[in-house]
Full PDB file with SEQRES, HELIX, SHEET, SSBOND, CRYST1, ORIGX, SCALE, CONECT and MASTER records, all heavy atoms in Angstrom:
SEQRES   1 A   39  SER THR ASP ASP VAL ALA TRP PHE ALA HIS ILE GLY GLY          
SEQRES   2 A   39  LEU LEU ALA GLY ALA VAL LEU VAL LEU PRO LEU LYS SER          
SEQRES   3 A   39  SER ASP ALA PRO LEU PHE ASP ARG SER PRO PRO GLN ALA          
HELIX    1 AA1 TRP A    7  LEU A   24  1                                  18    
CRYST1    1.000    1.000    1.000  90.00  90.00  90.00 P 1           1          
ORIGX1      1.000000  0.000000  0.000000        0.00000                         
ORIGX2      0.000000  1.000000  0.000000        0.00000                         
ORIGX3      0.000000  0.000000  1.000000        0.00000                         
SCALE1      1.000000  0.000000  0.000000        0.00000                         
SCALE2      0.000000  1.000000  0.000000        0.00000                         
SCALE3      0.000000  0.000000  1.000000        0.00000                         
ATOM      1  N   SER A   1      87.266  97.915 103.032  1.00  0.00           N  
ATOM      2  CA  SER A   1      87.740  97.209 104.222  1.00  0.00           C  
ATOM      3  C   SER A   1      87.554  95.704 104.086  1.00  0.00           C  
ATOM      4  O   SER A   1      87.618  94.972 105.075  1.00  0.00           O  
ATOM      5  CB  SER A   1      86.979  97.705 105.456  1.00  0.00           C  
ATOM      6  OG  SER A   1      85.581  97.477 105.301  1.00  0.00           O  
ATOM      7  N   THR A   2      87.317  95.226 102.865  1.00  0.00           N  
ATOM      8  CA  THR A   2      87.041  93.805 102.648  1.00  0.00           C  
ATOM      9  C   THR A   2      88.286  93.010 102.275  1.00  0.00           C  
ATOM     10  O   THR A   2      88.211  91.805 102.059  1.00  0.00           O  
ATOM     11  CB  THR A   2      85.992  93.637 101.534  1.00  0.00           C  
ATOM     12  OG1 THR A   2      86.483  94.230 100.320  1.00  0.00           O  
ATOM     13  CG2 THR A   2      84.679  94.302 101.914  1.00  0.00           C  
ATOM     14  N   ASP A   3      89.442  93.670 102.198  1.00  0.00           N  
ATOM     15  CA  ASP A   3      90.690  92.985 101.840  1.00  0.00           C  
ATOM     16  C   ASP A   3      91.086  92.012 102.951  1.00  0.00           C  
ATOM     17  O   ASP A   3      91.019  92.340 104.125  1.00  0.00           O  
ATOM     18  CB  ASP A   3      91.805  94.013 101.630  1.00  0.00           C  
ATOM     19  CG  ASP A   3      92.965  93.442 100.833  1.00  0.00           C  
ATOM     20  OD1 ASP A   3      93.243  92.240 100.981  1.00  0.00           O  
ATOM     21  OD2 ASP A   3      93.589  94.202 100.058  1.00  0.00           O  
ATOM     22  N   ASP A   4      91.511  90.798 102.561  1.00  0.00           N  
ATOM     23  CA  ASP A   4      91.912  89.793 103.541  1.00  0.00           C  
ATOM     24  C   ASP A   4      93.303  90.045 104.104  1.00  0.00           C  
ATOM     25  O   ASP A   4      93.693  89.418 105.090  1.00  0.00           O  
ATOM     26  CB  ASP A   4      91.878  88.394 102.909  1.00  0.00           C  
ATOM     27  CG  ASP A   4      90.457  87.918 102.622  1.00  0.00           C  
ATOM     28  OD1 ASP A   4      89.533  88.394 103.302  1.00  0.00           O  
ATOM     29  OD2 ASP A   4      90.285  87.077 101.719  1.00  0.00           O  
ATOM     30  N   VAL A   5      94.081  90.919 103.483  1.00  0.00           N  
ATOM     31  CA  VAL A   5      95.437  91.199 103.935  1.00  0.00           C  
ATOM     32  C   VAL A   5      95.417  92.302 104.994  1.00  0.00           C  
ATOM     33  O   VAL A   5      94.805  93.353 104.790  1.00  0.00           O  
ATOM     34  CB  VAL A   5      96.346  91.608 102.752  1.00  0.00           C  
ATOM     35  CG1 VAL A   5      97.762  91.915 103.253  1.00  0.00           C  
ATOM     36  CG2 VAL A   5      96.376  90.519 101.690  1.00  0.00           C  
ATOM     37  N   ALA A   6      96.098  92.055 106.106  1.00  0.00           N  
ATOM     38  CA  ALA A   6      96.153  93.046 107.185  1.00  0.00           C  
ATOM     39  C   ALA A   6      97.291  94.019 106.897  1.00  0.00           C  
ATOM     40  O   ALA A   6      98.377  93.929 107.475  1.00  0.00           O  
ATOM     41  CB  ALA A   6      96.351  92.351 108.525  1.00  0.00           C  
ATOM     42  N   TRP A   7      97.039  94.967 106.006  1.00  0.00           N  
ATOM     43  CA  TRP A   7      98.096  95.878 105.558  1.00  0.00           C  
ATOM     44  C   TRP A   7      98.662  96.710 106.693  1.00  0.00           C  
ATOM     45  O   TRP A   7      99.859  97.009 106.724  1.00  0.00           O  
ATOM     46  CB  TRP A   7      97.563  96.779 104.443  1.00  0.00           C  
ATOM     47  CG  TRP A   7      97.116  96.035 103.231  1.00  0.00           C  
ATOM     48  CD1 TRP A   7      95.835  95.803 102.827  1.00  0.00           C  
ATOM     49  CD2 TRP A   7      97.960  95.404 102.254  1.00  0.00           C  
ATOM     50  NE1 TRP A   7      95.819  95.065 101.679  1.00  0.00           N  
ATOM     51  CE2 TRP A   7      97.106  94.808 101.298  1.00  0.00           C  
ATOM     52  CE3 TRP A   7      99.343  95.277 102.103  1.00  0.00           C  
ATOM     53  CZ2 TRP A   7      97.603  94.109 100.198  1.00  0.00           C  
ATOM     54  CZ3 TRP A   7      99.840  94.575 101.024  1.00  0.00           C  
ATOM     55  CH2 TRP A   7      98.974  94.002 100.081  1.00  0.00           C  
ATOM     56  N   PHE A   8      97.815  97.104 107.642  1.00  0.00           N  
ATOM     57  CA  PHE A   8      98.312  97.947 108.728  1.00  0.00           C  
ATOM     58  C   PHE A   8      99.177  97.165 109.713  1.00  0.00           C  
ATOM     59  O   PHE A   8      99.957  97.760 110.457  1.00  0.00           O  
ATOM     60  CB  PHE A   8      97.161  98.647 109.445  1.00  0.00           C  
ATOM     61  CG  PHE A   8      96.741  99.915 108.751  1.00  0.00           C  
ATOM     62  CD1 PHE A   8      95.671  99.923 107.870  1.00  0.00           C  
ATOM     63  CD2 PHE A   8      97.436 101.098 108.963  1.00  0.00           C  
ATOM     64  CE1 PHE A   8      95.306 101.087 107.205  1.00  0.00           C  
ATOM     65  CE2 PHE A   8      97.082 102.266 108.310  1.00  0.00           C  
ATOM     66  CZ  PHE A   8      96.012 102.261 107.423  1.00  0.00           C  
ATOM     67  N   ALA A   9      99.068  95.858 109.726  1.00  0.00           N  
ATOM     68  CA  ALA A   9     100.025  95.056 110.495  1.00  0.00           C  
ATOM     69  C   ALA A   9     101.404  95.172 109.855  1.00  0.00           C  
ATOM     70  O   ALA A   9     102.422  95.259 110.550  1.00  0.00           O  
ATOM     71  CB  ALA A   9      99.578  93.603 110.552  1.00  0.00           C  
ATOM     72  N   HIS A  10     101.451  95.197 108.524  1.00  0.00           N  
ATOM     73  CA  HIS A  10     102.726  95.366 107.818  1.00  0.00           C  
ATOM     74  C   HIS A  10     103.323  96.739 108.114  1.00  0.00           C  
ATOM     75  O   HIS A  10     104.518  96.868 108.390  1.00  0.00           O  
ATOM     76  CB  HIS A  10     102.523  95.202 106.311  1.00  0.00           C  
ATOM     77  CG  HIS A  10     101.987  93.870 105.912  1.00  0.00           C  
ATOM     78  ND1 HIS A  10     101.768  93.510 104.596  1.00  0.00           N  
ATOM     79  CD2 HIS A  10     101.625  92.781 106.647  1.00  0.00           C  
ATOM     80  CE1 HIS A  10     101.296  92.291 104.545  1.00  0.00           C  
ATOM     81  NE2 HIS A  10     101.187  91.827 105.777  1.00  0.00           N  
ATOM     82  N   ILE A  11     102.485  97.766 108.063  1.00  0.00           N  
ATOM     83  CA  ILE A  11     102.972  99.122 108.327  1.00  0.00           C  
ATOM     84  C   ILE A  11     103.449  99.236 109.774  1.00  0.00           C  
ATOM     85  O   ILE A  11     104.504  99.818 110.055  1.00  0.00           O  
ATOM     86  CB  ILE A  11     101.868 100.156 108.042  1.00  0.00           C  
ATOM     87  CG1 ILE A  11     101.439 100.095 106.564  1.00  0.00           C  
ATOM     88  CG2 ILE A  11     102.347 101.559 108.402  1.00  0.00           C  
ATOM     89  CD1 ILE A  11     102.555 100.353 105.581  1.00  0.00           C  
ATOM     90  N   GLY A  12     102.684  98.679 110.691  1.00  0.00           N  
ATOM     91  CA  GLY A  12     103.099  98.703 112.089  1.00  0.00           C  
ATOM     92  C   GLY A  12     104.410  97.972 112.311  1.00  0.00           C  
ATOM     93  O   GLY A  12     105.268  98.415 113.078  1.00  0.00           O  
ATOM     94  N   GLY A  13     104.580  96.837 111.627  1.00  0.00           N  
ATOM     95  CA  GLY A  13     105.826  96.094 111.734  1.00  0.00           C  
ATOM     96  C   GLY A  13     107.003  96.873 111.180  1.00  0.00           C  
ATOM     97  O   GLY A  13     108.097  96.870 111.759  1.00  0.00           O  
ATOM     98  N   LEU A  14     106.802  97.537 110.055  1.00  0.00           N  
ATOM     99  CA  LEU A  14     107.863  98.354 109.470  1.00  0.00           C  
ATOM    100  C   LEU A  14     108.302  99.453 110.429  1.00  0.00           C  
ATOM    101  O   LEU A  14     109.505  99.678 110.638  1.00  0.00           O  
ATOM    102  CB  LEU A  14     107.379  98.972 108.152  1.00  0.00           C  
ATOM    103  CG  LEU A  14     107.285  98.036 106.944  1.00  0.00           C  
ATOM    104  CD1 LEU A  14     106.473  98.682 105.827  1.00  0.00           C  
ATOM    105  CD2 LEU A  14     108.688  97.679 106.442  1.00  0.00           C  
ATOM    106  N   LEU A  15     107.354 100.160 111.008  1.00  0.00           N  
ATOM    107  CA  LEU A  15     107.684 101.240 111.937  1.00  0.00           C  
ATOM    108  C   LEU A  15     108.362 100.696 113.192  1.00  0.00           C  
ATOM    109  O   LEU A  15     109.340 101.271 113.681  1.00  0.00           O  
ATOM    110  CB  LEU A  15     106.417 102.013 112.305  1.00  0.00           C  
ATOM    111  CG  LEU A  15     105.757 102.799 111.162  1.00  0.00           C  
ATOM    112  CD1 LEU A  15     104.437 103.406 111.632  1.00  0.00           C  
ATOM    113  CD2 LEU A  15     106.693 103.884 110.647  1.00  0.00           C  
ATOM    114  N   ALA A  16     107.840  99.575 113.692  1.00  0.00           N  
ATOM    115  CA  ALA A  16     108.437  98.981 114.889  1.00  0.00           C  
ATOM    116  C   ALA A  16     109.875  98.556 114.632  1.00  0.00           C  
ATOM    117  O   ALA A  16     110.773  98.808 115.444  1.00  0.00           O  
ATOM    118  CB  ALA A  16     107.603  97.780 115.344  1.00  0.00           C  
ATOM    119  N   GLY A  17     110.107  97.912 113.496  1.00  0.00           N  
ATOM    120  CA  GLY A  17     111.453  97.474 113.167  1.00  0.00           C  
ATOM    121  C   GLY A  17     112.415  98.624 112.990  1.00  0.00           C  
ATOM    122  O   GLY A  17     113.569  98.568 113.446  1.00  0.00           O  
ATOM    123  N   ALA A  18     111.948  99.696 112.330  1.00  0.00           N  
ATOM    124  CA  ALA A  18     112.812 100.858 112.097  1.00  0.00           C  
ATOM    125  C   ALA A  18     113.208 101.537 113.400  1.00  0.00           C  
ATOM    126  O   ALA A  18     114.318 102.069 113.525  1.00  0.00           O  
ATOM    127  CB  ALA A  18     112.099 101.848 111.182  1.00  0.00           C  
ATOM    128  N   VAL A  19     112.321 101.511 114.387  1.00  0.00           N  
ATOM    129  CA  VAL A  19     112.618 102.153 115.674  1.00  0.00           C  
ATOM    130  C   VAL A  19     113.452 101.231 116.566  1.00  0.00           C  
ATOM    131  O   VAL A  19     114.459 101.635 117.150  1.00  0.00           O  
ATOM    132  CB  VAL A  19     111.310 102.555 116.389  1.00  0.00           C  
ATOM    133  CG1 VAL A  19     111.600 103.031 117.811  1.00  0.00           C  
ATOM    134  CG2 VAL A  19     110.593 103.645 115.600  1.00  0.00           C  
ATOM    135  N   LEU A  20     113.055  99.966 116.667  1.00  0.00           N  
ATOM    136  CA  LEU A  20     113.712  99.056 117.600  1.00  0.00           C  
ATOM    137  C   LEU A  20     115.141  98.711 117.199  1.00  0.00           C  
ATOM    138  O   LEU A  20     115.971  98.417 118.059  1.00  0.00           O  
ATOM    139  CB  LEU A  20     112.887  97.770 117.721  1.00  0.00           C  
ATOM    140  CG  LEU A  20     111.563  97.882 118.465  1.00  0.00           C  
ATOM    141  CD1 LEU A  20     110.795  96.576 118.384  1.00  0.00           C  
ATOM    142  CD2 LEU A  20     111.789  98.275 119.920  1.00  0.00           C  
ATOM    143  N   VAL A  21     115.418  98.721 115.898  1.00  0.00           N  
ATOM    144  CA  VAL A  21     116.771  98.354 115.476  1.00  0.00           C  
ATOM    145  C   VAL A  21     117.815  99.349 115.988  1.00  0.00           C  
ATOM    146  O   VAL A  21     118.979  98.986 116.202  1.00  0.00           O  
ATOM    147  CB  VAL A  21     116.845  98.236 113.934  1.00  0.00           C  
ATOM    148  CG1 VAL A  21     116.760  99.602 113.276  1.00  0.00           C  
ATOM    149  CG2 VAL A  21     118.125  97.519 113.510  1.00  0.00           C  
ATOM    150  N   LEU A  22     117.423 100.576 116.233  1.00  0.00           N  
ATOM    151  CA  LEU A  22     118.380 101.606 116.643  1.00  0.00           C  
ATOM    152  C   LEU A  22     119.040 101.292 117.988  1.00  0.00           C  
ATOM    153  O   LEU A  22     120.268 101.316 118.100  1.00  0.00           O  
ATOM    154  CB  LEU A  22     117.703 102.979 116.659  1.00  0.00           C  
ATOM    155  CG  LEU A  22     117.090 103.424 115.323  1.00  0.00           C  
ATOM    156  CD1 LEU A  22     116.417 104.787 115.487  1.00  0.00           C  
ATOM    157  CD2 LEU A  22     118.151 103.479 114.234  1.00  0.00           C  
ATOM    158  N   PRO A  23     118.271 100.984 119.040  1.00  0.00           N  
ATOM    159  CA  PRO A  23     118.939 100.664 120.306  1.00  0.00           C  
ATOM    160  C   PRO A  23     119.446  99.227 120.400  1.00  0.00           C  
ATOM    161  O   PRO A  23     120.286  98.933 121.254  1.00  0.00           O  
ATOM    162  CB  PRO A  23     117.841 100.903 121.351  1.00  0.00           C  
ATOM    163  CG  PRO A  23     116.570 100.631 120.616  1.00  0.00           C  
ATOM    164  CD  PRO A  23     116.799 101.114 119.215  1.00  0.00           C  
ATOM    165  N   LEU A  24     118.934  98.326 119.547  1.00  0.00           N  
ATOM    166  CA  LEU A  24     119.271  96.915 119.694  1.00  0.00           C  
ATOM    167  C   LEU A  24     120.455  96.460 118.845  1.00  0.00           C  
ATOM    168  O   LEU A  24     121.058  95.428 119.126  1.00  0.00           O  
ATOM    169  CB  LEU A  24     118.044  96.047 119.345  1.00  0.00           C  
ATOM    170  CG  LEU A  24     116.858  96.148 120.306  1.00  0.00           C  
ATOM    171  CD1 LEU A  24     115.692  95.295 119.802  1.00  0.00           C  
ATOM    172  CD2 LEU A  24     117.261  95.712 121.707  1.00  0.00           C  
ATOM    173  N   LYS A  25     120.792  97.190 117.806  1.00  0.00           N  
ATOM    174  CA  LYS A  25     121.886  96.760 116.928  1.00  0.00           C  
ATOM    175  C   LYS A  25     123.219  96.812 117.670  1.00  0.00           C  
ATOM    176  O   LYS A  25     123.405  97.587 118.616  1.00  0.00           O  
ATOM    177  CB  LYS A  25     121.946  97.635 115.685  1.00  0.00           C  
ATOM    178  CG  LYS A  25     122.423  99.056 115.918  1.00  0.00           C  
ATOM    179  CD  LYS A  25     122.472  99.852 114.638  1.00  0.00           C  
ATOM    180  CE  LYS A  25     123.033 101.252 114.868  1.00  0.00           C  
ATOM    181  NZ  LYS A  25     124.457 101.224 115.255  1.00  0.00           N  
ATOM    182  N   SER A  26     124.159  95.974 117.227  1.00  0.00           N  
ATOM    183  CA  SER A  26     125.499  95.985 117.811  1.00  0.00           C  
ATOM    184  C   SER A  26     126.185  97.317 117.529  1.00  0.00           C  
ATOM    185  O   SER A  26     125.909  97.967 116.516  1.00  0.00           O  
ATOM    186  CB  SER A  26     126.329  94.844 117.239  1.00  0.00           C  
ATOM    187  OG  SER A  26     125.735  93.588 117.526  1.00  0.00           O  
ATOM    188  N   SER A  27     127.089  97.707 118.402  1.00  0.00           N  
ATOM    189  CA  SER A  27     127.764  98.995 118.254  1.00  0.00           C  
ATOM    190  C   SER A  27     128.611  99.058 116.983  1.00  0.00           C  
ATOM    191  O   SER A  27     128.845 100.145 116.452  1.00  0.00           O  
ATOM    192  CB  SER A  27     128.644  99.264 119.477  1.00  0.00           C  
ATOM    193  OG  SER A  27     129.607  98.230 119.640  1.00  0.00           O  
ATOM    194  N   ASP A  28     129.052  97.887 116.495  1.00  0.00           N  
ATOM    195  CA  ASP A  28     129.871  97.875 115.280  1.00  0.00           C  
ATOM    196  C   ASP A  28     129.058  97.575 114.032  1.00  0.00           C  
ATOM    197  O   ASP A  28     129.616  97.236 112.986  1.00  0.00           O  
ATOM    198  CB  ASP A  28     131.008  96.860 115.405  1.00  0.00           C  
ATOM    199  CG  ASP A  28     130.499  95.435 115.578  1.00  0.00           C  
ATOM    200  OD1 ASP A  28     129.325  95.275 115.977  1.00  0.00           O  
ATOM    201  OD2 ASP A  28     131.276  94.492 115.325  1.00  0.00           O  
ATOM    202  N   ALA A  29     127.736  97.700 114.134  1.00  0.00           N  
ATOM    203  CA  ALA A  29     126.852  97.521 112.977  1.00  0.00           C  
ATOM    204  C   ALA A  29     126.309  98.895 112.580  1.00  0.00           C  
ATOM    205  O   ALA A  29     125.305  99.349 113.125  1.00  0.00           O  
ATOM    206  CB  ALA A  29     125.709  96.565 113.303  1.00  0.00           C  
ATOM    207  N   PRO A  30     126.952  99.580 111.651  1.00  0.00           N  
ATOM    208  CA  PRO A  30     126.542 100.947 111.319  1.00  0.00           C  
ATOM    209  C   PRO A  30     125.243 100.995 110.520  1.00  0.00           C  
ATOM    210  O   PRO A  30     124.929 100.062 109.759  1.00  0.00           O  
ATOM    211  CB  PRO A  30     127.713 101.465 110.482  1.00  0.00           C  
ATOM    212  CG  PRO A  30     128.269 100.239 109.835  1.00  0.00           C  
ATOM    213  CD  PRO A  30     128.111  99.134 110.847  1.00  0.00           C  
ATOM    214  N   LEU A  31     124.490 102.045 110.707  1.00  0.00           N  
ATOM    215  CA  LEU A  31     123.348 102.293 109.845  1.00  0.00           C  
ATOM    216  C   LEU A  31     123.840 102.702 108.457  1.00  0.00           C  
ATOM    217  O   LEU A  31     124.897 103.317 108.319  1.00  0.00           O  
ATOM    218  CB  LEU A  31     122.464 103.400 110.428  1.00  0.00           C  
ATOM    219  CG  LEU A  31     121.702 103.086 111.709  1.00  0.00           C  
ATOM    220  CD1 LEU A  31     120.972 104.326 112.192  1.00  0.00           C  
ATOM    221  CD2 LEU A  31     120.723 101.940 111.515  1.00  0.00           C  
ATOM    222  N   PHE A  32     123.060 102.354 107.439  1.00  0.00           N  
ATOM    223  CA  PHE A  32     123.372 102.734 106.052  1.00  0.00           C  
ATOM    224  C   PHE A  32     124.789 102.311 105.673  1.00  0.00           C  
ATOM    225  O   PHE A  32     125.560 103.096 105.107  1.00  0.00           O  
ATOM    226  CB  PHE A  32     123.177 104.242 105.846  1.00  0.00           C  
ATOM    227  CG  PHE A  32     121.892 104.760 106.415  1.00  0.00           C  
ATOM    228  CD1 PHE A  32     121.890 105.647 107.483  1.00  0.00           C  
ATOM    229  CD2 PHE A  32     120.679 104.342 105.898  1.00  0.00           C  
ATOM    230  CE1 PHE A  32     120.694 106.124 108.018  1.00  0.00           C  
ATOM    231  CE2 PHE A  32     119.473 104.812 106.430  1.00  0.00           C  
ATOM    232  CZ  PHE A  32     119.483 105.699 107.475  1.00  0.00           C  
ATOM    233  N   ASP A  33     125.137 101.083 106.006  1.00  0.00           N  
ATOM    234  CA  ASP A  33     126.485 100.570 105.765  1.00  0.00           C  
ATOM    235  C   ASP A  33     126.835 100.629 104.282  1.00  0.00           C  
ATOM    236  O   ASP A  33     126.083 100.143 103.438  1.00  0.00           O  
ATOM    237  CB  ASP A  33     126.566  99.121 106.262  1.00  0.00           C  
ATOM    238  CG  ASP A  33     127.977  98.573 106.230  1.00  0.00           C  
ATOM    239  OD1 ASP A  33     128.917  99.371 106.056  1.00  0.00           O  
ATOM    240  OD2 ASP A  33     128.127  97.352 106.386  1.00  0.00           O  
ATOM    241  N   ARG A  34     127.961 101.215 103.979  1.00  0.00           N  
ATOM    242  CA  ARG A  34     128.416 101.340 102.595  1.00  0.00           C  
ATOM    243  C   ARG A  34     129.609 100.443 102.285  1.00  0.00           C  
ATOM    244  O   ARG A  34     130.083 100.414 101.156  1.00  0.00           O  
ATOM    245  CB  ARG A  34     128.790 102.796 102.277  1.00  0.00           C  
ATOM    246  CG  ARG A  34     127.596 103.741 102.289  1.00  0.00           C  
ATOM    247  CD  ARG A  34     128.012 105.158 101.929  1.00  0.00           C  
ATOM    248  NE  ARG A  34     126.852 106.030 101.835  1.00  0.00           N  
ATOM    249  CZ  ARG A  34     126.121 106.197 100.739  1.00  0.00           C  
ATOM    250  NH1 ARG A  34     126.436 105.537  99.639  1.00  0.00           N  
ATOM    251  NH2 ARG A  34     125.085 107.010 100.728  1.00  0.00           N  
ATOM    252  N   SER A  35     130.088  99.726 103.284  1.00  0.00           N  
ATOM    253  CA  SER A  35     131.245  98.870 103.040  1.00  0.00           C  
ATOM    254  C   SER A  35     130.829  97.651 102.240  1.00  0.00           C  
ATOM    255  O   SER A  35     129.708  97.164 102.366  1.00  0.00           O  
ATOM    256  CB  SER A  35     131.862  98.427 104.365  1.00  0.00           C  
ATOM    257  OG  SER A  35     130.917  97.690 105.126  1.00  0.00           O  
ATOM    258  N   PRO A  36     131.720  97.112 101.387  1.00  0.00           N  
ATOM    259  CA  PRO A  36     131.373  95.932 100.601  1.00  0.00           C  
ATOM    260  C   PRO A  36     131.193  94.728 101.502  1.00  0.00           C  
ATOM    261  O   PRO A  36     131.863  94.601 102.526  1.00  0.00           O  
ATOM    262  CB  PRO A  36     132.581  95.747  99.676  1.00  0.00           C  
ATOM    263  CG  PRO A  36     133.695  96.424 100.391  1.00  0.00           C  
ATOM    264  CD  PRO A  36     133.077  97.585 101.131  1.00  0.00           C  
ATOM    265  N   PRO A  37     130.253  93.819 101.174  1.00  0.00           N  
ATOM    266  CA  PRO A  37     130.045  92.633 102.002  1.00  0.00           C  
ATOM    267  C   PRO A  37     131.324  91.827 102.123  1.00  0.00           C  
ATOM    268  O   PRO A  37     132.027  91.591 101.155  1.00  0.00           O  
ATOM    269  CB  PRO A  37     128.963  91.853 101.234  1.00  0.00           C  
ATOM    270  CG  PRO A  37     128.277  92.856 100.388  1.00  0.00           C  
ATOM    271  CD  PRO A  37     129.345  93.856 100.016  1.00  0.00           C  
ATOM    272  N   GLN A  38     131.640  91.415 103.349  1.00  0.00           N  
ATOM    273  CA  GLN A  38     132.830  90.606 103.596  1.00  0.00           C  
ATOM    274  C   GLN A  38     132.522  89.651 104.729  1.00  0.00           C  
ATOM    275  O   GLN A  38     132.073  90.062 105.794  1.00  0.00           O  
ATOM    276  CB  GLN A  38     134.019  91.488 103.964  1.00  0.00           C  
ATOM    277  CG  GLN A  38     135.318  90.710 104.209  1.00  0.00           C  
ATOM    278  CD  GLN A  38     136.480  91.643 104.469  1.00  0.00           C  
ATOM    279  OE1 GLN A  38     136.434  92.813 104.116  1.00  0.00           O  
ATOM    280  NE2 GLN A  38     137.512  91.123 105.085  1.00  0.00           N  
ATOM    281  N   ALA A  39     132.735  88.396 104.499  1.00  0.00           N  
ATOM    282  CA  ALA A  39     132.390  87.391 105.496  1.00  0.00           C  
ATOM    283  C   ALA A  39     133.297  87.488 106.709  1.00  0.00           C  
ATOM    284  O   ALA A  39     134.435  87.937 106.629  1.00  0.00           O  
ATOM    285  CB  ALA A  39     132.505  85.991 104.885  1.00  0.00           C  
TER     286      ALA A  39                                                      
MASTER        0    0    0    1    0    0    0    6  285    1    0    3          
END                                                                             
């Protein structure tokens, strides 16, 4: 427990981001987008 890096803050952020993006993303922003990038 002597590590200076708050690893569980990273894990918590990852989980929070994965959950929150679902209701907050635009309706035309698909998950797992396979289309080629186009500006």
